[in-house]
PDB file of N, CA and C in Angstrom:
ATOM      1  N   UNK A   1     109.795  78.285  36.177  1.00  0.00           N
ATOM      2  CA  UNK A   1     109.887  77.747  34.823  1.00  0.00           C
ATOM      3  C   UNK A   1     108.819  76.666  34.658  1.00  0.00           C
ATOM      4  N   UNK A   2     108.036  76.759  33.598  1.00  0.00           N
ATOM      5  CA  UNK A   2     106.978  75.778  33.388  1.00  0.00           C
ATOM      6  C   UNK A   2     107.427  74.689  32.412  1.00  0.00           C
ATOM      7  N   UNK A   3     106.729  73.556  32.479  1.00  0.00           N
ATOM      8  CA  UNK A   3     107.034  72.450  31.577  1.00  0.00           C
ATOM      9  C   UNK A   3     106.698  72.838  30.149  1.00  0.00           C
ATOM     10  N   UNK A   4     107.556  72.425  29.218  1.00  0.00           N
ATOM     11  CA  UNK A   4     107.366  72.707  27.803  1.00  0.00           C
ATOM     12  C   UNK A   4     107.392  71.404  27.022  1.00  0.00           C
ATOM     13  N   UNK A   5     106.609  71.366  25.960  1.00  0.00           N
ATOM     14  CA  UNK A   5     106.584  70.228  25.049  1.00  0.00           C
ATOM     15  C   UNK A   5     106.879  70.789  23.668  1.00  0.00           C
ATOM     16  N   UNK A   6     107.972  70.330  23.082  1.00  0.00           N
ATOM     17  CA  UNK A   6     108.428  70.848  21.801  1.00  0.00           C
ATOM     18  C   UNK A   6     108.245  69.777  20.737  1.00  0.00           C
ATOM     19  N   UNK A   7     107.483  70.118  19.707  1.00  0.00           N
ATOM     20  CA  UNK A   7     107.200  69.207  18.601  1.00  0.00           C
ATOM     21  C   UNK A   7     107.995  69.639  17.375  1.00  0.00           C
ATOM     22  N   UNK A   8     108.591  68.676  16.685  1.00  0.00           N
ATOM     23  CA  UNK A   8     109.296  68.944  15.430  1.00  0.00           C
ATOM     24  C   UNK A   8     108.700  68.035  14.368  1.00  0.00           C
ATOM     25  N   UNK A   9     108.259  68.637  13.273  1.00  0.00           N
ATOM     26  CA  UNK A   9     107.703  67.849  12.172  1.00  0.00           C
ATOM     27  C   UNK A   9     108.841  67.107  11.483  1.00  0.00           C
ATOM     28  N   UNK A  10     108.671  65.788  11.338  1.00  0.00           N
ATOM     29  CA  UNK A  10     109.679  64.977  10.651  1.00  0.00           C
ATOM     30  C   UNK A  10     109.054  64.176   9.506  1.00  0.00           C
ATOM     31  N   UNK A  11     107.940  64.653   8.994  1.00  0.00           N
ATOM     32  CA  UNK A  11     107.298  63.971   7.869  1.00  0.00           C
ATOM     33  C   UNK A  11     108.277  63.894   6.704  1.00  0.00           C
ATOM     34  N   UNK A  12     108.437  62.695   6.152  1.00  0.00           N
ATOM     35  CA  UNK A  12     109.413  62.511   5.084  1.00  0.00           C
ATOM     36  C   UNK A  12     108.844  62.917   3.739  1.00  0.00           C
ATOM     37  N   UNK A  13     109.732  63.168   2.823  1.00  0.00           N
ATOM     38  CA  UNK A  13     109.379  63.599   1.477  1.00  0.00           C
ATOM     39  C   UNK A  13     110.189  64.826   1.122  1.00  0.00           C
ATOM     40  N   UNK A  14     110.535  64.935  -0.142  1.00  0.00           N
ATOM     41  CA  UNK A  14     111.419  66.014  -0.578  1.00  0.00           C
ATOM     42  C   UNK A  14     110.898  67.401  -0.209  1.00  0.00           C
ATOM     43  N   UNK A  15     109.603  67.606  -0.355  1.00  0.00           N
ATOM     44  CA  UNK A  15     109.037  68.931  -0.099  1.00  0.00           C
ATOM     45  C   UNK A  15     108.463  69.061   1.301  1.00  0.00           C
ATOM     46  N   UNK A  16     108.610  68.034   2.109  1.00  0.00           N
ATOM     47  CA  UNK A  16     108.119  68.077   3.479  1.00  0.00           C
ATOM     48  C   UNK A  16     109.282  68.376   4.428  1.00  0.00           C
ATOM     49  N   UNK A  17     108.970  68.592   5.676  1.00  0.00           N
ATOM     50  CA  UNK A  17     109.991  68.990   6.657  1.00  0.00           C
ATOM     51  C   UNK A  17     111.148  67.998   6.735  1.00  0.00           C
ATOM     52  N   UNK A  18     110.830  66.700   6.649  1.00  0.00           N
ATOM     53  CA  UNK A  18     111.878  65.689   6.716  1.00  0.00           C
ATOM     54  C   UNK A  18     112.890  65.821   5.598  1.00  0.00           C
ATOM     55  N   UNK A  19     112.451  66.265   4.447  1.00  0.00           N
ATOM     56  CA  UNK A  19     113.345  66.474   3.321  1.00  0.00           C
ATOM     57  C   UNK A  19     114.055  67.809   3.354  1.00  0.00           C
ATOM     58  N   UNK A  20     113.742  68.618   4.356  1.00  0.00           N
ATOM     59  CA  UNK A  20     114.349  69.945   4.482  1.00  0.00           C
ATOM     60  C   UNK A  20     115.288  70.042   5.687  1.00  0.00           C
ATOM     61  N   UNK A  21     115.597  68.900   6.296  1.00  0.00           N
ATOM     62  CA  UNK A  21     116.568  68.891   7.379  1.00  0.00           C
ATOM     63  C   UNK A  21     115.994  68.834   8.781  1.00  0.00           C
ATOM     64  N   UNK A  22     114.728  68.473   8.927  1.00  0.00           N
ATOM     65  CA  UNK A  22     114.130  68.474  10.259  1.00  0.00           C
ATOM     66  C   UNK A  22     114.720  67.415  11.186  1.00  0.00           C
ATOM     67  N   UNK A  23     115.234  66.323  10.641  1.00  0.00           N
ATOM     68  CA  UNK A  23     115.861  65.314  11.499  1.00  0.00           C
ATOM     69  C   UNK A  23     117.086  65.906  12.202  1.00  0.00           C
ATOM     70  N   UNK A  24     117.845  66.729  11.496  1.00  0.00           N
ATOM     71  CA  UNK A  24     119.006  67.387  12.103  1.00  0.00           C
ATOM     72  C   UNK A  24     118.560  68.388  13.160  1.00  0.00           C
ATOM     73  N   UNK A  25     117.462  69.087  12.889  1.00  0.00           N
ATOM     74  CA  UNK A  25     116.917  70.042  13.863  1.00  0.00           C
ATOM     75  C   UNK A  25     116.494  69.299  15.128  1.00  0.00           C
ATOM     76  N   UNK A  26     115.762  68.211  14.962  1.00  0.00           N
ATOM     77  CA  UNK A  26     115.302  67.430  16.109  1.00  0.00           C
ATOM     78  C   UNK A  26     116.476  66.869  16.903  1.00  0.00           C
ATOM     79  N   UNK A  27     117.474  66.326  16.216  1.00  0.00           N
ATOM     80  CA  UNK A  27     118.622  65.760  16.925  1.00  0.00           C
ATOM     81  C   UNK A  27     119.385  66.835  17.676  1.00  0.00           C
ATOM     82  N   UNK A  28     119.561  67.985  17.062  1.00  0.00           N
ATOM     83  CA  UNK A  28     120.261  69.093  17.751  1.00  0.00           C
ATOM     84  C   UNK A  28     119.461  69.536  18.973  1.00  0.00           C
ATOM     85  N   UNK A  29     118.129  69.603  18.836  1.00  0.00           N
ATOM     86  CA  UNK A  29     117.276  69.966  19.961  1.00  0.00           C
ATOM     87  C   UNK A  29     117.450  68.972  21.101  1.00  0.00           C
ATOM     88  N   UNK A  30     117.375  67.696  20.792  1.00  0.00           N
ATOM     89  CA  UNK A  30     117.515  66.670  21.829  1.00  0.00           C
ATOM     90  C   UNK A  30     118.895  66.709  22.469  1.00  0.00           C
ATOM     91  N   UNK A  31     119.928  66.937  21.666  1.00  0.00           N
ATOM     92  CA  UNK A  31     121.288  67.044  22.205  1.00  0.00           C
ATOM     93  C   UNK A  31     121.405  68.224  23.161  1.00  0.00           C
ATOM     94  N   UNK A  32     120.851  69.377  22.780  1.00  0.00           N
ATOM     95  CA  UNK A  32     120.918  70.573  23.623  1.00  0.00           C
ATOM     96  C   UNK A  32     120.137  70.388  24.922  1.00  0.00           C
ATOM     97  N   UNK A  33     118.948  69.806  24.817  1.00  0.00           N
ATOM     98  CA  UNK A  33     118.125  69.578  26.010  1.00  0.00           C
ATOM     99  C   UNK A  33     118.843  68.637  26.970  1.00  0.00           C
ATOM    100  N   UNK A  34     119.450  67.594  26.445  1.00  0.00           N
ATOM    101  CA  UNK A  34     120.175  66.642  27.290  1.00  0.00           C
ATOM    102  C   UNK A  34     121.429  67.278  27.879  1.00  0.00           C
ATOM    103  N   UNK A  35     122.194  67.962  27.054  1.00  0.00           N
ATOM    104  CA  UNK A  35     123.447  68.589  27.500  1.00  0.00           C
ATOM    105  C   UNK A  35     123.195  69.589  28.621  1.00  0.00           C
ATOM    106  N   UNK A  36     122.108  70.338  28.494  1.00  0.00           N
ATOM    107  CA  UNK A  36     121.794  71.369  29.486  1.00  0.00           C
ATOM    108  C   UNK A  36     120.925  70.850  30.629  1.00  0.00           C
ATOM    109  N   UNK A  37     120.578  69.561  30.547  1.00  0.00           N
ATOM    110  CA  UNK A  37     119.767  68.912  31.588  1.00  0.00           C
ATOM    111  C   UNK A  37     118.468  69.678  31.844  1.00  0.00           C
ATOM    112  N   UNK A  38     117.732  69.926  30.764  1.00  0.00           N
ATOM    113  CA  UNK A  38     116.476  70.667  30.852  1.00  0.00           C
ATOM    114  C   UNK A  38     115.331  69.692  31.080  1.00  0.00           C
ATOM    115  N   UNK A  39     115.153  69.291  32.314  1.00  0.00           N
ATOM    116  CA  UNK A  39     114.126  68.318  32.662  1.00  0.00           C
ATOM    117  C   UNK A  39     112.710  68.811  32.444  1.00  0.00           C
ATOM    118  N   UNK A  40     112.532  70.119  32.275  1.00  0.00           N
ATOM    119  CA  UNK A  40     111.197  70.683  32.045  1.00  0.00           C
ATOM    120  C   UNK A  40     110.805  70.685  30.568  1.00  0.00           C
ATOM    121  N   UNK A  41     111.694  70.166  29.700  1.00  0.00           N
ATOM    122  CA  UNK A  41     111.440  70.182  28.259  1.00  0.00           C
ATOM    123  C   UNK A  41     111.308  68.756  27.737  1.00  0.00           C
ATOM    124  N   UNK A  42     110.207  68.488  27.068  1.00  0.00           N
ATOM    125  CA  UNK A  42     109.966  67.196  26.418  1.00  0.00           C
ATOM    126  C   UNK A  42     109.981  67.430  24.911  1.00  0.00           C
ATOM    127  N   UNK A  43     110.588  66.529  24.153  1.00  0.00           N
ATOM    128  CA  UNK A  43     110.648  66.665  22.693  1.00  0.00           C
ATOM    129  C   UNK A  43     109.925  65.489  22.042  1.00  0.00           C
ATOM    130  N   UNK A  44     109.187  65.787  20.968  1.00  0.00           N
ATOM    131  CA  UNK A  44     108.403  64.766  20.280  1.00  0.00           C
ATOM    132  C   UNK A  44     108.391  65.040  18.782  1.00  0.00           C
ATOM    133  N   UNK A  45     108.471  63.963  18.013  1.00  0.00           N
ATOM    134  CA  UNK A  45     108.260  64.066  16.566  1.00  0.00           C
ATOM    135  C   UNK A  45     106.777  64.311  16.327  1.00  0.00           C
ATOM    136  N   UNK A  46     106.453  65.037  15.287  1.00  0.00           N
ATOM    137  CA  UNK A  46     105.048  65.179  14.902  1.00  0.00           C
ATOM    138  C   UNK A  46     104.933  64.986  13.407  1.00  0.00           C
ATOM    139  N   UNK A  47     103.725  64.700  12.978  1.00  0.00           N
ATOM    140  CA  UNK A  47     103.441  64.553  11.562  1.00  0.00           C
ATOM    141  C   UNK A  47     103.166  65.899  10.916  1.00  0.00           C
ATOM    142  N   UNK A  48     102.805  65.844   9.677  1.00  0.00           N
ATOM    143  CA  UNK A  48     102.606  67.050   8.875  1.00  0.00           C
ATOM    144  C   UNK A  48     101.455  67.903   9.416  1.00  0.00           C
ATOM    145  N   UNK A  49     101.702  69.183   9.469  1.00  0.00           N
ATOM    146  CA  UNK A  49     100.673  70.142   9.880  1.00  0.00           C
ATOM    147  C   UNK A  49     100.366  71.134   8.765  1.00  0.00           C
ATOM    148  N   UNK A  50     100.672  70.713   7.538  1.00  0.00           N
ATOM    149  CA  UNK A  50     100.374  71.490   6.333  1.00  0.00           C
ATOM    150  C   UNK A  50     101.141  72.811   6.263  1.00  0.00           C
ATOM    151  N   UNK A  51     102.283  72.871   6.903  1.00  0.00           N
ATOM    152  CA  UNK A  51     103.107  74.083   6.860  1.00  0.00           C
ATOM    153  C   UNK A  51     104.488  73.803   6.272  1.00  0.00           C
ATOM    154  N   UNK A  52     104.630  72.682   5.527  1.00  0.00           N
ATOM    155  CA  UNK A  52     105.951  72.301   5.038  1.00  0.00           C
ATOM    156  C   UNK A  52     106.562  73.356   4.118  1.00  0.00           C
ATOM    157  N   UNK A  53     105.735  74.222   3.537  1.00  0.00           N
ATOM    158  CA  UNK A  53     106.278  75.320   2.732  1.00  0.00           C
ATOM    159  C   UNK A  53     107.006  76.336   3.608  1.00  0.00           C
ATOM    160  N   UNK A  54     106.852  76.213   4.944  1.00  0.00           N
ATOM    161  CA  UNK A  54     107.568  77.069   5.890  1.00  0.00           C
ATOM    162  C   UNK A  54     108.543  76.245   6.733  1.00  0.00           C
ATOM    163  N   UNK A  55     108.773  75.008   6.324  1.00  0.00           N
ATOM    164  CA  UNK A  55     109.538  74.073   7.124  1.00  0.00           C
ATOM    165  C   UNK A  55     111.030  74.233   7.030  1.00  0.00           C
ATOM    166  N   UNK A  56     111.698  73.498   7.902  1.00  0.00           N
ATOM    167  CA  UNK A  56     111.239  72.663   8.992  1.00  0.00           C
ATOM    168  C   UNK A  56     110.514  73.460  10.082  1.00  0.00           C
ATOM    169  N   UNK A  57     109.532  72.798  10.678  1.00  0.00           N
ATOM    170  CA  UNK A  57     108.644  73.412  11.665  1.00  0.00           C
ATOM    171  C   UNK A  57     108.925  72.874  13.066  1.00  0.00           C
ATOM    172  N   UNK A  58     108.858  73.772  14.048  1.00  0.00           N
ATOM    173  CA  UNK A  58     108.930  73.414  15.463  1.00  0.00           C
ATOM    174  C   UNK A  58     107.814  74.186  16.161  1.00  0.00           C
ATOM    175  N   UNK A  59     107.103  73.512  17.065  1.00  0.00           N
ATOM    176  CA  UNK A  59     106.046  74.172  17.826  1.00  0.00           C
ATOM    177  C   UNK A  59     106.319  73.945  19.304  1.00  0.00           C
ATOM    178  N   UNK A  60     106.245  75.015  20.090  1.00  0.00           N
ATOM    179  CA  UNK A  60     106.489  74.942  21.534  1.00  0.00           C
ATOM    180  C   UNK A  60     105.162  75.132  22.257  1.00  0.00           C
ATOM    181  N   UNK A  61     104.789  74.123  23.049  1.00  0.00           N
ATOM    182  CA  UNK A  61     103.567  74.185  23.856  1.00  0.00           C
ATOM    183  C   UNK A  61     103.941  74.135  25.326  1.00  0.00           C
ATOM    184  N   UNK A  62     103.186  74.785  26.188  1.00  0.00           N
ATOM    185  CA  UNK A  62     101.867  75.365  25.944  1.00  0.00           C
ATOM    186  C   UNK A  62     101.913  76.782  25.393  1.00  0.00           C
ATOM    187  N   UNK A  63     103.107  77.267  25.041  1.00  0.00           N
ATOM    188  CA  UNK A  63     103.243  78.652  24.591  1.00  0.00           C
ATOM    189  C   UNK A  63     102.566  78.930  23.257  1.00  0.00           C
ATOM    190  N   UNK A  64     102.365  77.887  22.433  1.00  0.00           N
ATOM    191  CA  UNK A  64     101.735  78.085  21.133  1.00  0.00           C
ATOM    192  C   UNK A  64     102.604  78.850  20.153  1.00  0.00           C
ATOM    193  N   UNK A  65     103.912  78.737  20.299  1.00  0.00           N
ATOM    194  CA  UNK A  65     104.849  79.436  19.417  1.00  0.00           C
ATOM    195  C   UNK A  65     105.292  78.490  18.306  1.00  0.00           C
ATOM    196  N   UNK A  66     105.126  78.945  17.073  1.00  0.00           N
ATOM    197  CA  UNK A  66     105.527  78.189  15.892  1.00  0.00           C
ATOM    198  C   UNK A  66     106.814  78.800  15.338  1.00  0.00           C
ATOM    199  N   UNK A  67     107.800  77.928  15.084  1.00  0.00           N
ATOM    200  CA  UNK A  67     109.037  78.346  14.434  1.00  0.00           C
ATOM    201  C   UNK A  67     109.115  77.663  13.077  1.00  0.00           C
ATOM    202  N   UNK A  68     109.712  78.351  12.107  1.00  0.00           N
ATOM    203  CA  UNK A  68     109.826  77.769  10.782  1.00  0.00           C
ATOM    204  C   UNK A  68     111.097  78.165  10.070  1.00  0.00           C
ATOM    205  N   UNK A  69     111.310  77.480   8.946  1.00  0.00           N
ATOM    206  CA  UNK A  69     112.500  77.667   8.118  1.00  0.00           C
ATOM    207  C   UNK A  69     113.761  77.476   8.963  1.00  0.00           C
ATOM    208  N   UNK A  70     113.711  76.459   9.819  1.00  0.00           N
ATOM    209  CA  UNK A  70     114.783  76.229  10.782  1.00  0.00           C
ATOM    210  C   UNK A  70     115.956  75.481  10.185  1.00  0.00           C
ATOM    211  N   UNK A  71     117.103  75.751  10.775  1.00  0.00           N
ATOM    212  CA  UNK A  71     118.325  74.997  10.518  1.00  0.00           C
ATOM    213  C   UNK A  71     118.818  74.510  11.872  1.00  0.00           C
ATOM    214  N   UNK A  72     119.586  73.464  11.886  1.00  0.00           N
ATOM    215  CA  UNK A  72     120.119  72.936  13.144  1.00  0.00           C
ATOM    216  C   UNK A  72     120.868  74.028  13.906  1.00  0.00           C
ATOM    217  N   UNK A  73     121.484  74.953  13.189  1.00  0.00           N
ATOM    218  CA  UNK A  73     122.254  76.029  13.813  1.00  0.00           C
ATOM    219  C   UNK A  73     121.371  77.003  14.586  1.00  0.00           C
ATOM    220  N   UNK A  74     120.056  77.008  14.312  1.00  0.00           N
ATOM    221  CA  UNK A  74     119.125  77.898  15.024  1.00  0.00           C
ATOM    222  C   UNK A  74     118.745  77.362  16.403  1.00  0.00           C
ATOM    223  N   UNK A  75     118.921  76.078  16.609  1.00  0.00           N
ATOM    224  CA  UNK A  75     118.419  75.425  17.818  1.00  0.00           C
ATOM    225  C   UNK A  75     119.016  75.976  19.109  1.00  0.00           C
ATOM    226  N   UNK A  76     120.348  76.172  19.220  1.00  0.00           N
ATOM    227  CA  UNK A  76     120.878  76.692  20.484  1.00  0.00           C
ATOM    228  C   UNK A  76     120.253  78.034  20.888  1.00  0.00           C
ATOM    229  N   UNK A  77     119.975  78.888  19.929  1.00  0.00           N
ATOM    230  CA  UNK A  77     119.348  80.178  20.234  1.00  0.00           C
ATOM    231  C   UNK A  77     117.926  79.983  20.766  1.00  0.00           C
ATOM    232  N   UNK A  78     117.169  79.079  20.160  1.00  0.00           N
ATOM    233  CA  UNK A  78     115.814  78.793  20.640  1.00  0.00           C
ATOM    234  C   UNK A  78     115.870  78.217  22.047  1.00  0.00           C
ATOM    235  N   UNK A  79     116.810  77.303  22.280  1.00  0.00           N
ATOM    236  CA  UNK A  79     116.940  76.697  23.605  1.00  0.00           C
ATOM    237  C   UNK A  79     117.274  77.770  24.636  1.00  0.00           C
ATOM    238  N   UNK A  80     118.274  78.583  24.364  1.00  0.00           N
ATOM    239  CA  UNK A  80     118.714  79.591  25.333  1.00  0.00           C
ATOM    240  C   UNK A  80     117.642  80.662  25.568  1.00  0.00           C
ATOM    241  N   UNK A  81     117.133  81.218  24.497  1.00  0.00           N
ATOM    242  CA  UNK A  81     116.199  82.341  24.625  1.00  0.00           C
ATOM    243  C   UNK A  81     114.803  81.906  25.056  1.00  0.00           C
ATOM    244  N   UNK A  82     114.262  80.886  24.419  1.00  0.00           N
ATOM    245  CA  UNK A  82     112.871  80.510  24.678  1.00  0.00           C
ATOM    246  C   UNK A  82     112.739  79.432  25.746  1.00  0.00           C
ATOM    247  N   UNK A  83     113.407  78.311  25.554  1.00  0.00           N
ATOM    248  CA  UNK A  83     113.200  77.189  26.471  1.00  0.00           C
ATOM    249  C   UNK A  83     113.798  77.440  27.846  1.00  0.00           C
ATOM    250  N   UNK A  84     114.865  78.222  27.913  1.00  0.00           N
ATOM    251  CA  UNK A  84     115.464  78.574  29.199  1.00  0.00           C
ATOM    252  C   UNK A  84     114.992  79.956  29.652  1.00  0.00           C
ATOM    253  N   UNK A  85     115.069  80.935  28.758  1.00  0.00           N
ATOM    254  CA  UNK A  85     114.784  82.320  29.130  1.00  0.00           C
ATOM    255  C   UNK A  85     113.338  82.755  29.046  1.00  0.00           C
ATOM    256  N   UNK A  86     112.498  81.953  28.370  1.00  0.00           N
ATOM    257  CA  UNK A  86     111.080  82.300  28.282  1.00  0.00           C
ATOM    258  C   UNK A  86     110.746  83.371  27.262  1.00  0.00           C
ATOM    259  N   UNK A  87     111.705  83.711  26.378  1.00  0.00           N
ATOM    260  CA  UNK A  87     111.493  84.746  25.367  1.00  0.00           C
ATOM    261  C   UNK A  87     111.534  84.120  23.975  1.00  0.00           C
ATOM    262  N   UNK A  88     110.418  84.040  23.284  1.00  0.00           N
ATOM    263  CA  UNK A  88     110.433  83.482  21.922  1.00  0.00           C
ATOM    264  C   UNK A  88     111.420  84.241  21.022  1.00  0.00           C
ATOM    265  N   UNK A  89     112.001  83.515  20.089  1.00  0.00           N
ATOM    266  CA  UNK A  89     112.954  84.089  19.141  1.00  0.00           C
ATOM    267  C   UNK A  89     112.143  84.619  17.962  1.00  0.00           C
ATOM    268  N   UNK A  90     111.886  85.913  17.974  1.00  0.00           N
ATOM    269  CA  UNK A  90     110.975  86.529  17.005  1.00  0.00           C
ATOM    270  C   UNK A  90     111.419  86.335  15.561  1.00  0.00           C
ATOM    271  N   UNK A  91     112.709  86.386  15.290  1.00  0.00           N
ATOM    272  CA  UNK A  91     113.165  86.285  13.900  1.00  0.00           C
ATOM    273  C   UNK A  91     112.892  84.915  13.286  1.00  0.00           C
ATOM    274  N   UNK A  92     112.628  83.909  14.115  1.00  0.00           N
ATOM    275  CA  UNK A  92     112.377  82.561  13.615  1.00  0.00           C
ATOM    276  C   UNK A  92     110.905  82.162  13.686  1.00  0.00           C
ATOM    277  N   UNK A  93     110.080  83.021  14.267  1.00  0.00           N
ATOM    278  CA  UNK A  93     108.649  82.700  14.405  1.00  0.00           C
ATOM    279  C   UNK A  93     107.950  82.768  13.058  1.00  0.00           C
ATOM    280  N   UNK A  94     106.936  81.923  12.923  1.00  0.00           N
ATOM    281  CA  UNK A  94     106.082  81.963  11.745  1.00  0.00           C
ATOM    282  C   UNK A  94     104.631  82.021  12.205  1.00  0.00           C
ATOM    283  N   UNK A  95     103.781  82.409  11.291  1.00  0.00           N
ATOM    284  CA  UNK A  95     102.348  82.347  11.511  1.00  0.00           C
ATOM    285  C   UNK A  95     101.815  81.254  10.607  1.00  0.00           C
ATOM    286  N   UNK A  96     101.198  80.222  11.181  1.00  0.00           N
ATOM    287  CA  UNK A  96     100.655  79.169  10.331  1.00  0.00           C
ATOM    288  C   UNK A  96      99.532  79.701   9.469  1.00  0.00           C
ATOM    289  N   UNK A  97      99.436  79.156   8.269  1.00  0.00           N
ATOM    290  CA  UNK A  97      98.372  79.603   7.365  1.00  0.00           C
ATOM    291  C   UNK A  97      97.528  78.412   6.959  1.00  0.00           C
ATOM    292  N   UNK A  98      96.587  78.626   6.077  1.00  0.00           N
ATOM    293  CA  UNK A  98      95.685  77.555   5.668  1.00  0.00           C
ATOM    294  C   UNK A  98      94.780  77.170   6.825  1.00  0.00           C
ATOM    295  N   UNK A  99      94.481  75.883   6.961  1.00  0.00           N
ATOM    296  CA  UNK A  99      93.548  75.475   8.010  1.00  0.00           C
ATOM    297  C   UNK A  99      94.063  75.751   9.412  1.00  0.00           C
ATOM    298  N   UNK A 100      95.384  75.888   9.580  1.00  0.00           N
ATOM    299  CA  UNK A 100      95.948  76.160  10.906  1.00  0.00           C
ATOM    300  C   UNK A 100      95.928  77.628  11.236  1.00  0.00           C
ATOM    301  N   UNK A 101      95.856  78.503  10.234  1.00  0.00           N
ATOM    302  CA  UNK A 101      95.969  79.932  10.465  1.00  0.00           C
ATOM    303  C   UNK A 101      94.959  80.487  11.448  1.00  0.00           C
ATOM    304  N   UNK A 102      93.751  80.004  11.418  1.00  0.00           N
ATOM    305  CA  UNK A 102      92.727  80.544  12.312  1.00  0.00           C
ATOM    306  C   UNK A 102      92.550  79.707  13.568  1.00  0.00           C
ATOM    307  N   UNK A 103      93.246  78.565  13.645  1.00  0.00           N
ATOM    308  CA  UNK A 103      93.038  77.681  14.796  1.00  0.00           C
ATOM    309  C   UNK A 103      94.324  77.401  15.550  1.00  0.00           C
ATOM    310  N   UNK A 104      95.379  78.164  15.280  1.00  0.00           N
ATOM    311  CA  UNK A 104      96.653  77.930  15.963  1.00  0.00           C
ATOM    312  C   UNK A 104      96.429  78.066  17.473  1.00  0.00           C
ATOM    313  N   UNK A 105      97.002  77.144  18.204  1.00  0.00           N
ATOM    314  CA  UNK A 105      96.847  77.153  19.658  1.00  0.00           C
ATOM    315  C   UNK A 105      97.839  78.151  20.242  1.00  0.00           C
ATOM    316  N   UNK A 106      97.362  79.310  20.601  1.00  0.00           N
ATOM    317  CA  UNK A 106      98.246  80.334  21.175  1.00  0.00           C
ATOM    318  C   UNK A 106      97.825  80.655  22.572  1.00  0.00           C
TER     319      UNK A 106
END
């Protein structure tokens, strides 16, 4: 199992991830990581990446997997399947567009 760094956008504003429930997503992620004692997973807040129209956004590195339109209820599945099992959750994946679309770190 390799080390993972999970970023969650928490930029505030009604139309940004913070206004769409990303704080709940981040807290659920941190709770799950702590509860399961996943020492290989680090969680960090991030600023806007111009994808708030697909938000809330989560990015898993070094895998380069972007998740979007998340709800706190989606987090346990991401933790179990991706962070523990190494299999991205395809139904929650997004493709970044705009300036990120051609430069996404994959």
